[in-house]
C-alpha atoms as a PDB file:
ATOM      1  CA  UNK A   1      -6.763  10.090 -19.264  1.00  0.00           C
ATOM      2  CA  UNK A   2      -5.644   8.320 -22.540  1.00  0.00           C
ATOM      3  CA  UNK A   3      -5.032   4.304 -22.596  1.00  0.00           C
ATOM      4  CA  UNK A   4      -1.158   4.910 -22.984  1.00  0.00           C
ATOM      5  CA  UNK A   5      -1.039   7.191 -19.181  1.00  0.00           C
ATOM      6  CA  UNK A   6      -3.376   4.933 -17.675  1.00  0.00           C
ATOM      7  CA  UNK A   7      -1.592   1.549 -18.602  1.00  0.00           C
ATOM      8  CA  UNK A   8       1.464   3.056 -17.392  1.00  0.00           C
ATOM      9  CA  UNK A   9      -0.238   3.911 -14.031  1.00  0.00           C
ATOM     10  CA  UNK A  10      -1.617   0.477 -13.476  1.00  0.00           C
ATOM     11  CA  UNK A  11       1.754  -1.164 -13.743  1.00  0.00           C
ATOM     12  CA  UNK A  12       3.197   1.535 -11.976  1.00  0.00           C
ATOM     13  CA  UNK A  13       0.569   0.523  -8.615  1.00  0.00           C
ATOM     14  CA  UNK A  14       0.992  -3.252  -9.465  1.00  0.00           C
ATOM     15  CA  UNK A  15       4.822  -2.636  -9.133  1.00  0.00           C
ATOM     16  CA  UNK A  16       4.241  -1.218  -5.545  1.00  0.00           C
ATOM     17  CA  UNK A  17       2.000  -4.489  -4.707  1.00  0.00           C
ATOM     18  CA  UNK A  18       4.746  -6.674  -6.131  1.00  0.00           C
ATOM     19  CA  UNK A  19       7.236  -5.178  -3.927  1.00  0.00           C
ATOM     20  CA  UNK A  20       5.004  -5.355  -0.858  1.00  0.00           C
ATOM     21  CA  UNK A  21       4.273  -8.660  -1.145  1.00  0.00           C
ATOM     22  CA  UNK A  22       7.834  -9.379  -0.401  1.00  0.00           C
ATOM     23  CA  UNK A  23       7.400  -8.235   3.053  1.00  0.00           C
ATOM     24  CA  UNK A  24       5.805 -10.915   4.727  1.00  0.00           C
ATOM     25  CA  UNK A  25       8.464 -13.897   3.426  1.00  0.00           C
ATOM     26  CA  UNK A  26      11.312 -11.343   3.998  1.00  0.00           C
ATOM     27  CA  UNK A  27      10.656 -11.317   7.364  1.00  0.00           C
ATOM     28  CA  UNK A  28      10.109 -15.028   7.970  1.00  0.00           C
ATOM     29  CA  UNK A  29      13.809 -15.606   6.110  1.00  0.00           C
ATOM     30  CA  UNK A  30      15.368 -13.182   8.651  1.00  0.00           C
ATOM     31  CA  UNK A  31      13.645 -14.687  11.756  1.00  0.00           C
ATOM     32  CA  UNK A  32      13.691 -10.888  13.225  1.00  0.00           C
ATOM     33  CA  UNK A  33      13.888 -11.179  17.280  1.00  0.00           C
ATOM     34  CA  UNK A  34      12.190  -7.644  17.384  1.00  0.00           C
ATOM     35  CA  UNK A  35       8.625  -7.441  18.073  1.00  0.00           C
ATOM     36  CA  UNK A  36       7.024  -6.758  14.111  1.00  0.00           C
ATOM     37  CA  UNK A  37       5.827  -3.096  15.379  1.00  0.00           C
ATOM     38  CA  UNK A  38       9.507  -2.466  15.822  1.00  0.00           C
ATOM     39  CA  UNK A  39      10.402  -4.056  12.584  1.00  0.00           C
ATOM     40  CA  UNK A  40       7.339  -2.054  10.848  1.00  0.00           C
ATOM     41  CA  UNK A  41       8.410   1.548  12.603  1.00  0.00           C
ATOM     42  CA  UNK A  42      12.102   0.965  11.230  1.00  0.00           C
ATOM     43  CA  UNK A  43      10.807  -0.039   7.886  1.00  0.00           C
ATOM     44  CA  UNK A  44       8.748   3.568   7.399  1.00  0.00           C
ATOM     45  CA  UNK A  45      11.206   5.576   8.953  1.00  0.00           C
ATOM     46  CA  UNK A  46      14.296   4.156   7.281  1.00  0.00           C
ATOM     47  CA  UNK A  47      12.057   4.804   3.760  1.00  0.00           C
ATOM     48  CA  UNK A  48      11.084   8.158   4.523  1.00  0.00           C
ATOM     49  CA  UNK A  49      15.014   8.661   5.309  1.00  0.00           C
ATOM     50  CA  UNK A  50      15.794   7.673   1.713  1.00  0.00           C
ATOM     51  CA  UNK A  51      13.260   9.705   0.391  1.00  0.00           C
ATOM     52  CA  UNK A  52      14.097  12.902   2.474  1.00  0.00           C
ATOM     53  CA  UNK A  53      18.074  12.247   1.306  1.00  0.00           C
ATOM     54  CA  UNK A  54      16.591  11.906  -2.393  1.00  0.00           C
ATOM     55  CA  UNK A  55      15.146  15.159  -2.086  1.00  0.00           C
ATOM     56  CA  UNK A  56      17.410  17.062  -0.349  1.00  0.00           C
ATOM     57  CA  UNK A  57      19.979  15.629  -3.374  1.00  0.00           C
ATOM     58  CA  UNK A  58      18.222  16.532  -6.477  1.00  0.00           C
ATOM     59  CA  UNK A  59      15.358  19.129  -5.667  1.00  0.00           C
ATOM     60  CA  UNK A  60      15.559  20.262  -1.799  1.00  0.00           C
ATOM     61  CA  UNK A  61      13.353  23.300  -2.834  1.00  0.00           C
ATOM     62  CA  UNK A  62      10.434  20.714  -3.119  1.00  0.00           C
ATOM     63  CA  UNK A  63       9.749  20.681   0.440  1.00  0.00           C
ATOM     64  CA  UNK A  64       8.913  24.365   0.184  1.00  0.00           C
ATOM     65  CA  UNK A  65       5.655  23.329  -2.155  1.00  0.00           C
ATOM     66  CA  UNK A  66       4.396  21.488   1.122  1.00  0.00           C
ATOM     67  CA  UNK A  67       2.259  24.851   2.234  1.00  0.00           C
ATOM     68  CA  UNK A  68      -0.744  25.119   4.506  1.00  0.00           C
ATOM     69  CA  UNK A  69      -3.304  23.499   1.876  1.00  0.00           C
ATOM     70  CA  UNK A  70      -1.253  20.233   1.771  1.00  0.00           C
ATOM     71  CA  UNK A  71      -1.138  19.779   5.060  1.00  0.00           C
ATOM     72  CA  UNK A  72      -4.563  18.319   6.055  1.00  0.00           C
ATOM     73  CA  UNK A  73      -4.007  15.186   3.368  1.00  0.00           C
ATOM     74  CA  UNK A  74      -0.392  15.186   4.359  1.00  0.00           C
ATOM     75  CA  UNK A  75      -1.448  14.579   7.913  1.00  0.00           C
ATOM     76  CA  UNK A  76      -4.289  12.141   7.235  1.00  0.00           C
ATOM     77  CA  UNK A  77      -1.734   9.934   5.257  1.00  0.00           C
ATOM     78  CA  UNK A  78       0.623  10.122   8.191  1.00  0.00           C
ATOM     79  CA  UNK A  79      -1.964   9.180  10.642  1.00  0.00           C
ATOM     80  CA  UNK A  80      -2.966   6.170   8.212  1.00  0.00           C
ATOM     81  CA  UNK A  81       0.366   5.067   7.832  1.00  0.00           C
ATOM     82  CA  UNK A  82       1.208   4.744  11.591  1.00  0.00           C
ATOM     83  CA  UNK A  83      -1.920   3.466  12.301  1.00  0.00           C
ATOM     84  CA  UNK A  84      -1.494   0.681   9.669  1.00  0.00           C
ATOM     85  CA  UNK A  85       1.465  -0.677  11.071  1.00  0.00           C
ATOM     86  CA  UNK A  86       0.070  -1.018  14.394  1.00  0.00           C
ATOM     87  CA  UNK A  87      -3.382  -2.162  13.530  1.00  0.00           C
ATOM     88  CA  UNK A  88      -1.759  -4.795  10.879  1.00  0.00           C
ATOM     89  CA  UNK A  89       0.897  -6.338  13.100  1.00  0.00           C
ATOM     90  CA  UNK A  90      -1.682  -6.490  16.187  1.00  0.00           C
ATOM     91  CA  UNK A  91      -4.485  -8.067  14.267  1.00  0.00           C
ATOM     92  CA  UNK A  92      -1.480 -10.689  13.257  1.00  0.00           C
ATOM     93  CA  UNK A  93      -0.657 -11.169  16.309  1.00  0.00           C
ATOM     94  CA  UNK A  94      -4.187 -11.549  18.446  1.00  0.00           C
ATOM     95  CA  UNK A  95      -6.175 -13.507  15.353  1.00  0.00           C
ATOM     96  CA  UNK A  96      -3.388 -15.034  13.358  1.00  0.00           C
ATOM     97  CA  UNK A  97      -2.301 -13.921  10.011  1.00  0.00           C
ATOM     98  CA  UNK A  98      -4.753 -15.490   7.658  1.00  0.00           C
ATOM     99  CA  UNK A  99      -7.556 -13.967   9.417  1.00  0.00           C
ATOM    100  CA  UNK A 100      -5.629 -10.802   9.594  1.00  0.00           C
ATOM    101  CA  UNK A 101      -4.661 -10.777   5.957  1.00  0.00           C
ATOM    102  CA  UNK A 102      -8.062 -11.715   4.914  1.00  0.00           C
ATOM    103  CA  UNK A 103      -9.601  -8.775   6.891  1.00  0.00           C
ATOM    104  CA  UNK A 104      -7.158  -6.422   6.003  1.00  0.00           C
ATOM    105  CA  UNK A 105      -6.733  -7.126   2.392  1.00  0.00           C
ATOM    106  CA  UNK A 106     -10.414  -7.706   1.874  1.00  0.00           C
ATOM    107  CA  UNK A 107     -11.732  -4.650   3.471  1.00  0.00           C
ATOM    108  CA  UNK A 108      -8.775  -2.348   1.663  1.00  0.00           C
ATOM    109  CA  UNK A 109      -9.925  -1.646  -1.821  1.00  0.00           C
ATOM    110  CA  UNK A 110     -13.750  -1.504  -0.560  1.00  0.00           C
ATOM    111  CA  UNK A 111     -12.845   1.193   1.761  1.00  0.00           C
ATOM    112  CA  UNK A 112     -10.200   2.849  -1.184  1.00  0.00           C
ATOM    113  CA  UNK A 113     -13.216   2.941  -3.307  1.00  0.00           C
ATOM    114  CA  UNK A 114     -15.978   4.287  -0.765  1.00  0.00           C
ATOM    115  CA  UNK A 115     -13.332   7.145   0.710  1.00  0.00           C
ATOM    116  CA  UNK A 116     -13.150   8.242  -3.137  1.00  0.00           C
ATOM    117  CA  UNK A 117     -16.528   8.364  -3.126  1.00  0.00           C
ATOM    118  CA  UNK A 118     -16.984  10.606  -0.217  1.00  0.00           C
ATOM    119  CA  UNK A 119     -14.441  12.595  -0.206  1.00  0.00           C
ATOM    120  CA  UNK A 120     -13.662  13.367  -4.312  1.00  0.00           C
ATOM    121  CA  UNK A 121     -17.200  12.423  -5.550  1.00  0.00           C
ATOM    122  CA  UNK A 122     -15.811   9.895  -7.910  1.00  0.00           C
ATOM    123  CA  UNK A 123     -18.189   7.317  -9.223  1.00  0.00           C
ATOM    124  CA  UNK A 124     -17.554   3.771  -9.246  1.00  0.00           C
ATOM    125  CA  UNK A 125     -18.082   1.254 -12.046  1.00  0.00           C
ATOM    126  CA  UNK A 126     -20.008  -1.866 -12.521  1.00  0.00           C
ATOM    127  CA  UNK A 127     -16.249  -3.361 -13.474  1.00  0.00           C
ATOM    128  CA  UNK A 128     -14.686  -1.914 -10.704  1.00  0.00           C
ATOM    129  CA  UNK A 129     -17.500  -3.626  -8.445  1.00  0.00           C
ATOM    130  CA  UNK A 130     -16.806  -7.119 -10.025  1.00  0.00           C
ATOM    131  CA  UNK A 131     -13.275  -6.766 -10.428  1.00  0.00           C
ATOM    132  CA  UNK A 132     -12.884  -6.104  -6.722  1.00  0.00           C
ATOM    133  CA  UNK A 133     -15.517  -8.448  -5.895  1.00  0.00           C
ATOM    134  CA  UNK A 134     -13.276 -11.392  -7.103  1.00  0.00           C
ATOM    135  CA  UNK A 135     -10.155  -9.968  -6.243  1.00  0.00           C
ATOM    136  CA  UNK A 136     -11.257  -9.902  -2.159  1.00  0.00           C
ATOM    137  CA  UNK A 137     -12.968 -13.199  -2.759  1.00  0.00           C
ATOM    138  CA  UNK A 138      -9.717 -14.719  -4.015  1.00  0.00           C
ATOM    139  CA  UNK A 139      -7.644 -12.963  -0.869  1.00  0.00           C
ATOM    140  CA  UNK A 140     -10.208 -14.709   1.174  1.00  0.00           C
ATOM    141  CA  UNK A 141      -9.852 -18.453  -0.201  1.00  0.00           C
ATOM    142  CA  UNK A 142      -6.094 -17.525  -0.031  1.00  0.00           C
ATOM    143  CA  UNK A 143      -6.237 -17.808   3.958  1.00  0.00           C
ATOM    144  CA  UNK A 144      -8.690 -20.806   4.026  1.00  0.00           C
ATOM    145  CA  UNK A 145      -5.529 -23.433   4.614  1.00  0.00           C
ATOM    146  CA  UNK A 146      -4.514 -21.774   8.193  1.00  0.00           C
ATOM    147  CA  UNK A 147      -6.260 -24.121  10.622  1.00  0.00           C
ATOM    148  CA  UNK A 148      -4.839 -22.658  13.246  1.00  0.00           C
ATOM    149  CA  UNK A 149      -6.851 -19.696  12.598  1.00  0.00           C
ATOM    150  CA  UNK A 150      -8.946 -17.914  15.400  1.00  0.00           C
ATOM    151  CA  UNK A 151     -11.358 -15.203  14.944  1.00  0.00           C
ATOM    152  CA  UNK A 152     -10.590 -12.908  17.885  1.00  0.00           C
ATOM    153  CA  UNK A 153     -12.902  -9.902  18.182  1.00  0.00           C
ATOM    154  CA  UNK A 154     -10.141  -7.531  19.315  1.00  0.00           C
ATOM    155  CA  UNK A 155      -7.824  -8.806  16.466  1.00  0.00           C
ATOM    156  CA  UNK A 156     -10.725  -8.458  13.824  1.00  0.00           C
ATOM    157  CA  UNK A 157     -11.262  -4.984  14.743  1.00  0.00           C
ATOM    158  CA  UNK A 158      -7.513  -3.926  14.409  1.00  0.00           C
ATOM    159  CA  UNK A 159      -7.837  -5.386  11.045  1.00  0.00           C
ATOM    160  CA  UNK A 160     -10.451  -3.438  10.045  1.00  0.00           C
ATOM    161  CA  UNK A 161      -8.784  -0.630  11.242  1.00  0.00           C
ATOM    162  CA  UNK A 162      -5.649  -1.487   9.134  1.00  0.00           C
ATOM    163  CA  UNK A 163      -8.346  -2.068   5.929  1.00  0.00           C
ATOM    164  CA  UNK A 164      -9.983   1.377   6.421  1.00  0.00           C
ATOM    165  CA  UNK A 165      -6.465   3.054   7.284  1.00  0.00           C
ATOM    166  CA  UNK A 166      -5.215   1.839   3.480  1.00  0.00           C
ATOM    167  CA  UNK A 167      -8.234   3.704   2.027  1.00  0.00           C
ATOM    168  CA  UNK A 168      -7.704   6.990   3.659  1.00  0.00           C
ATOM    169  CA  UNK A 169      -3.923   7.071   2.844  1.00  0.00           C
ATOM    170  CA  UNK A 170      -4.794   6.450  -0.724  1.00  0.00           C
ATOM    171  CA  UNK A 171      -7.167   8.704  -0.898  1.00  0.00           C
ATOM    172  CA  UNK A 172      -5.100  11.146   0.656  1.00  0.00           C
ATOM    173  CA  UNK A 173      -2.097  10.671  -1.576  1.00  0.00           C
ATOM    174  CA  UNK A 174      -4.453  10.682  -4.771  1.00  0.00           C
ATOM    175  CA  UNK A 175      -5.774  14.340  -3.233  1.00  0.00           C
ATOM    176  CA  UNK A 176      -1.923  15.593  -2.682  1.00  0.00           C
ATOM    177  CA  UNK A 177      -1.467  14.350  -6.181  1.00  0.00           C
ATOM    178  CA  UNK A 178      -3.311  17.720  -7.562  1.00  0.00           C
ATOM    179  CA  UNK A 179      -2.547  20.370  -5.091  1.00  0.00           C
ATOM    180  CA  UNK A 180       1.075  21.368  -6.624  1.00  0.00           C
ATOM    181  CA  UNK A 181       3.071  19.708  -4.104  1.00  0.00           C
ATOM    182  CA  UNK A 182       6.550  17.757  -4.785  1.00  0.00           C
ATOM    183  CA  UNK A 183       5.108  14.262  -4.023  1.00  0.00           C
ATOM    184  CA  UNK A 184       8.553  12.612  -3.050  1.00  0.00           C
ATOM    185  CA  UNK A 185       8.991  15.468  -0.603  1.00  0.00           C
ATOM    186  CA  UNK A 186       5.150  14.803   0.588  1.00  0.00           C
ATOM    187  CA  UNK A 187       5.480  11.108   0.831  1.00  0.00           C
ATOM    188  CA  UNK A 188       8.885  11.270   2.778  1.00  0.00           C
ATOM    189  CA  UNK A 189       7.020  13.183   5.324  1.00  0.00           C
ATOM    190  CA  UNK A 190       4.078  11.259   5.750  1.00  0.00           C
ATOM    191  CA  UNK A 191       6.438   8.021   6.370  1.00  0.00           C
ATOM    192  CA  UNK A 192       8.521  10.145   8.739  1.00  0.00           C
ATOM    193  CA  UNK A 193       5.532  11.536  10.584  1.00  0.00           C
ATOM    194  CA  UNK A 194       4.166   8.118  10.365  1.00  0.00           C
ATOM    195  CA  UNK A 195       6.958   6.383  11.448  1.00  0.00           C
ATOM    196  CA  UNK A 196       7.341   8.559  14.967  1.00  0.00           C
ATOM    197  CA  UNK A 197       4.372   7.359  16.323  1.00  0.00           C
ATOM    198  CA  UNK A 198       5.998   4.131  16.343  1.00  0.00           C
ATOM    199  CA  UNK A 199       9.438   5.352  17.487  1.00  0.00           C
ATOM    200  CA  UNK A 200       9.442   3.872  20.897  1.00  0.00           C
ATOM    201  CA  UNK A 201       8.861   0.262  20.006  1.00  0.00           C
ATOM    202  CA  UNK A 202      11.351   0.981  17.436  1.00  0.00           C
ATOM    203  CA  UNK A 203      14.388   2.281  19.860  1.00  0.00           C
ATOM    204  CA  UNK A 204      13.509  -0.432  21.839  1.00  0.00           C
ATOM    205  CA  UNK A 205      14.173  -3.155  19.331  1.00  0.00           C
ATOM    206  CA  UNK A 206      17.380  -1.426  17.732  1.00  0.00           C
ATOM    207  CA  UNK A 207      19.316  -3.723  19.290  1.00  0.00           C
ATOM    208  CA  UNK A 208      17.510  -6.659  18.251  1.00  0.00           C
ATOM    209  CA  UNK A 209      17.529  -5.121  14.564  1.00  0.00           C
ATOM    210  CA  UNK A 210      21.455  -4.465  14.638  1.00  0.00           C
ATOM    211  CA  UNK A 211      22.294  -8.023  13.699  1.00  0.00           C
ATOM    212  CA  UNK A 212      23.205  -8.940  10.587  1.00  0.00           C
ATOM    213  CA  UNK A 213      20.045 -10.767   8.955  1.00  0.00           C
ATOM    214  CA  UNK A 214      17.474  -8.258  10.780  1.00  0.00           C
ATOM    215  CA  UNK A 215      19.992  -5.164   9.436  1.00  0.00           C
ATOM    216  CA  UNK A 216      19.504  -6.428   6.036  1.00  0.00           C
ATOM    217  CA  UNK A 217      15.897  -6.817   6.577  1.00  0.00           C
ATOM    218  CA  UNK A 218      15.113  -3.099   7.433  1.00  0.00           C
ATOM    219  CA  UNK A 219      17.514  -2.456   4.631  1.00  0.00           C
ATOM    220  CA  UNK A 220      15.532  -3.999   1.644  1.00  0.00           C
ATOM    221  CA  UNK A 221      12.244  -2.995   3.793  1.00  0.00           C
ATOM    222  CA  UNK A 222      12.928   0.497   3.575  1.00  0.00           C
ATOM    223  CA  UNK A 223      14.764   1.127   0.414  1.00  0.00           C
ATOM    224  CA  UNK A 224      12.758  -1.284  -1.828  1.00  0.00           C
ATOM    225  CA  UNK A 225       9.149  -2.229   0.088  1.00  0.00           C
ATOM    226  CA  UNK A 226       8.627   1.380   1.228  1.00  0.00           C
ATOM    227  CA  UNK A 227      10.850   4.312  -0.638  1.00  0.00           C
ATOM    228  CA  UNK A 228      10.718   2.548  -4.208  1.00  0.00           C
ATOM    229  CA  UNK A 229       7.025   1.032  -3.417  1.00  0.00           C
ATOM    230  CA  UNK A 230       5.420   3.985  -2.008  1.00  0.00           C
ATOM    231  CA  UNK A 231       6.721   6.167  -4.835  1.00  0.00           C
ATOM    232  CA  UNK A 232       5.366   3.544  -7.551  1.00  0.00           C
ATOM    233  CA  UNK A 233       2.109   3.814  -5.935  1.00  0.00           C
ATOM    234  CA  UNK A 234       1.472   7.816  -5.718  1.00  0.00           C
ATOM    235  CA  UNK A 235       3.092   8.158  -9.249  1.00  0.00           C
ATOM    236  CA  UNK A 236       0.309   5.331 -10.194  1.00  0.00           C
ATOM    237  CA  UNK A 237      -2.363   6.935  -8.358  1.00  0.00           C
ATOM    238  CA  UNK A 238      -1.356   9.932 -10.654  1.00  0.00           C
ATOM    239  CA  UNK A 239      -2.764   7.999 -13.845  1.00  0.00           C
ATOM    240  CA  UNK A 240      -5.320   5.641 -12.020  1.00  0.00           C
ATOM    241  CA  UNK A 241      -8.502   6.508  -9.902  1.00  0.00           C
ATOM    242  CA  UNK A 242      -7.913   5.862  -6.256  1.00  0.00           C
ATOM    243  CA  UNK A 243     -10.251   2.869  -6.307  1.00  0.00           C
ATOM    244  CA  UNK A 244      -8.411   1.076  -8.984  1.00  0.00           C
ATOM    245  CA  UNK A 245      -5.257   1.459  -7.121  1.00  0.00           C
ATOM    246  CA  UNK A 246      -6.582   0.203  -4.168  1.00  0.00           C
ATOM    247  CA  UNK A 247      -7.837  -3.164  -5.811  1.00  0.00           C
ATOM    248  CA  UNK A 248      -4.483  -3.196  -8.201  1.00  0.00           C
ATOM    249  CA  UNK A 249      -2.357  -3.503  -4.358  1.00  0.00           C
ATOM    250  CA  UNK A 250      -4.230  -6.651  -3.935  1.00  0.00           C
ATOM    251  CA  UNK A 251      -1.138  -8.313  -5.946  1.00  0.00           C
ATOM    252  CA  UNK A 252       0.308  -8.050  -2.878  1.00  0.00           C
ATOM    253  CA  UNK A 253      -0.870 -11.077  -0.978  1.00  0.00           C
ATOM    254  CA  UNK A 254      -1.176 -13.240  -4.595  1.00  0.00           C
ATOM    255  CA  UNK A 255       3.068 -11.995  -4.669  1.00  0.00           C
ATOM    256  CA  UNK A 256       3.423 -13.214  -1.303  1.00  0.00           C
ATOM    257  CA  UNK A 257       1.551 -16.285  -1.438  1.00  0.00           C
ATOM    258  CA  UNK A 258       3.789 -17.027  -4.828  1.00  0.00           C
ATOM    259  CA  UNK A 259       6.807 -16.659  -2.702  1.00  0.00           C
ATOM    260  CA  UNK A 260       5.699 -18.614   0.252  1.00  0.00           C
ATOM    261  CA  UNK A 261       5.438 -21.506  -2.124  1.00  0.00           C
ATOM    262  CA  UNK A 262       8.398 -20.709  -4.464  1.00  0.00           C
ATOM    263  CA  UNK A 263      11.024 -20.181  -1.896  1.00  0.00           C
ATOM    264  CA  UNK A 264       9.664 -21.219   1.911  1.00  0.00           C
ATOM    265  CA  UNK A 265       8.377 -24.289   0.616  1.00  0.00           C
ATOM    266  CA  UNK A 266       4.808 -24.134   1.252  1.00  0.00           C
ATOM    267  CA  UNK A 267       2.061 -26.485  -0.121  1.00  0.00           C
ATOM    268  CA  UNK A 268       0.025 -25.139  -2.839  1.00  0.00           C
ATOM    269  CA  UNK A 269      -3.440 -26.354  -1.554  1.00  0.00           C
ATOM    270  CA  UNK A 270      -6.520 -26.214  -3.790  1.00  0.00           C
ATOM    271  CA  UNK A 271      -8.054 -23.466  -1.969  1.00  0.00           C
ATOM    272  CA  UNK A 272      -4.688 -21.746  -2.447  1.00  0.00           C
ATOM    273  CA  UNK A 273      -4.948 -22.283  -6.254  1.00  0.00           C
ATOM    274  CA  UNK A 274      -8.432 -21.318  -6.654  1.00  0.00           C
ATOM    275  CA  UNK A 275      -7.896 -17.992  -4.858  1.00  0.00           C
ATOM    276  CA  UNK A 276      -4.874 -17.256  -6.698  1.00  0.00           C
ATOM    277  CA  UNK A 277      -6.742 -17.851  -9.918  1.00  0.00           C
ATOM    278  CA  UNK A 278      -9.888 -15.800  -8.908  1.00  0.00           C
ATOM    279  CA  UNK A 279      -7.744 -12.583  -7.667  1.00  0.00           C
ATOM    280  CA  UNK A 280      -5.669 -12.710 -10.637  1.00  0.00           C
ATOM    281  CA  UNK A 281      -8.821 -12.433 -12.652  1.00  0.00           C
ATOM    282  CA  UNK A 282     -10.049  -9.344 -10.331  1.00  0.00           C
ATOM    283  CA  UNK A 283      -7.010  -7.792 -11.091  1.00  0.00           C
ATOM    284  CA  UNK A 284      -7.093  -8.408 -14.921  1.00  0.00           C
ATOM    285  CA  UNK A 285     -10.763  -7.221 -14.924  1.00  0.00           C
ATOM    286  CA  UNK A 286      -9.915  -4.018 -12.999  1.00  0.00           C
ATOM    287  CA  UNK A 287      -6.997  -3.010 -15.053  1.00  0.00           C
ATOM    288  CA  UNK A 288      -8.293  -3.629 -18.408  1.00  0.00           C
ATOM    289  CA  UNK A 289      -8.283  -0.476 -20.208  1.00  0.00           C
ATOM    290  CA  UNK A 290     -11.728   1.467 -20.620  1.00  0.00           C
ATOM    291  CA  UNK A 291     -13.245   3.499 -23.409  1.00  0.00           C
ATOM    292  CA  UNK A 292     -13.224   6.649 -21.262  1.00  0.00           C
ATOM    293  CA  UNK A 293     -13.071   9.534 -23.555  1.00  0.00           C
ATOM    294  CA  UNK A 294      -9.322  11.387 -23.335  1.00  0.00           C
ATOM    295  CA  UNK A 295      -9.294  13.699 -20.421  1.00  0.00           C
ATOM    296  CA  UNK A 296     -11.375  11.939 -18.332  1.00  0.00           C
ATOM    297  CA  UNK A 297     -11.606   8.877 -16.102  1.00  0.00           C
ATOM    298  CA  UNK A 298     -14.508   7.754 -13.854  1.00  0.00           C
ATOM    299  CA  UNK A 299     -15.681  11.200 -14.519  1.00  0.00           C
ATOM    300  CA  UNK A 300     -12.408  13.072 -12.997  1.00  0.00           C
ATOM    301  CA  UNK A 301     -11.788  16.024 -15.084  1.00  0.00           C
ATOM    302  CA  UNK A 302      -8.231  16.151 -16.724  1.00  0.00           C
ATOM    303  CA  UNK A 303      -6.654  18.742 -15.052  1.00  0.00           C
ATOM    304  CA  UNK A 304      -6.453  16.870 -11.795  1.00  0.00           C
ATOM    305  CA  UNK A 305      -3.815  14.513 -13.623  1.00  0.00           C
ATOM    306  CA  UNK A 306      -0.979  15.018 -11.585  1.00  0.00           C
ATOM    307  CA  UNK A 307       0.321  18.003 -13.345  1.00  0.00           C
ATOM    308  CA  UNK A 308       1.936  18.270  -9.241  1.00  0.00           C
ATOM    309  CA  UNK A 309       4.557  16.140  -9.968  1.00  0.00           C
ATOM    310  CA  UNK A 310       7.375  18.980  -9.871  1.00  0.00           C
ATOM    311  CA  UNK A 311      10.050  17.072  -8.622  1.00  0.00           C
ATOM    312  CA  UNK A 312      10.079  14.785 -11.594  1.00  0.00           C
ATOM    313  CA  UNK A 313       8.651  11.516 -10.035  1.00  0.00           C
ATOM    314  CA  UNK A 314       6.054  10.058 -11.716  1.00  0.00           C
ATOM    315  CA  UNK A 315       5.633  12.780 -14.540  1.00  0.00           C
ATOM    316  CA  UNK A 316       4.252  12.262 -17.713  1.00  0.00           C
END
């Protein structure tokens, strides 16, 4: 994999992280009365429907590429998607947003790297470990100002489950990029299947979500932070390793912090400033182009470079 493809992959994953970083601030601004789990379910179901509509309008035959060999990673990704929503929102409810964010996003890049190592046999470079350590430390500092945070063991366990799910989803999606499937169709199926597990909460929250501001929130979350962001993320996975993508996704808490200060009027405390710089530094270290020989990345053969992108999204 050459540097140009690597750089484009980094930019795509960072674009996904930027969009994901708007989720929390958007929810605060909309002030929905529906439960967070209902909002999360509506978000991924809407995103799945949008992507399915895109596939049906542009290349409906790509659904036929989802043959039996592709179903194990698709089911793993769908399970991880639905479980992540419930785990993260449950962790926030039990232990507060600060601790939940620190646990989930602190574990996510590590779980992604380890999952990729176990499933795909990809090596983890010293630079990845250094950049990830900086980024995870930065996330921890971003959560320090929350004086109301409390450590609930059940909430921490849910946060650990959410961080693990992120790694499972990322490696499952990375595996799909090498199985000759239409990735837009595959992502739409994983979102709809994952959202179906949250359907009882989503249906119960429909009356509250029908109000103008919550409806606009679901529209933004479904179209921008799910349909577009997930496709950016998966397209980036064609060009970078899953471990690198997992660390780059930590742009999400960095963007969320910036929006909280700029839009929501929160103060820039010293730990937040230090955490932002540390996190940004970690992202730069991980995303800096390496000198890997063309056709390889972290020991991965170029034959798994994402030629599966038959539907054109994320294709070279």
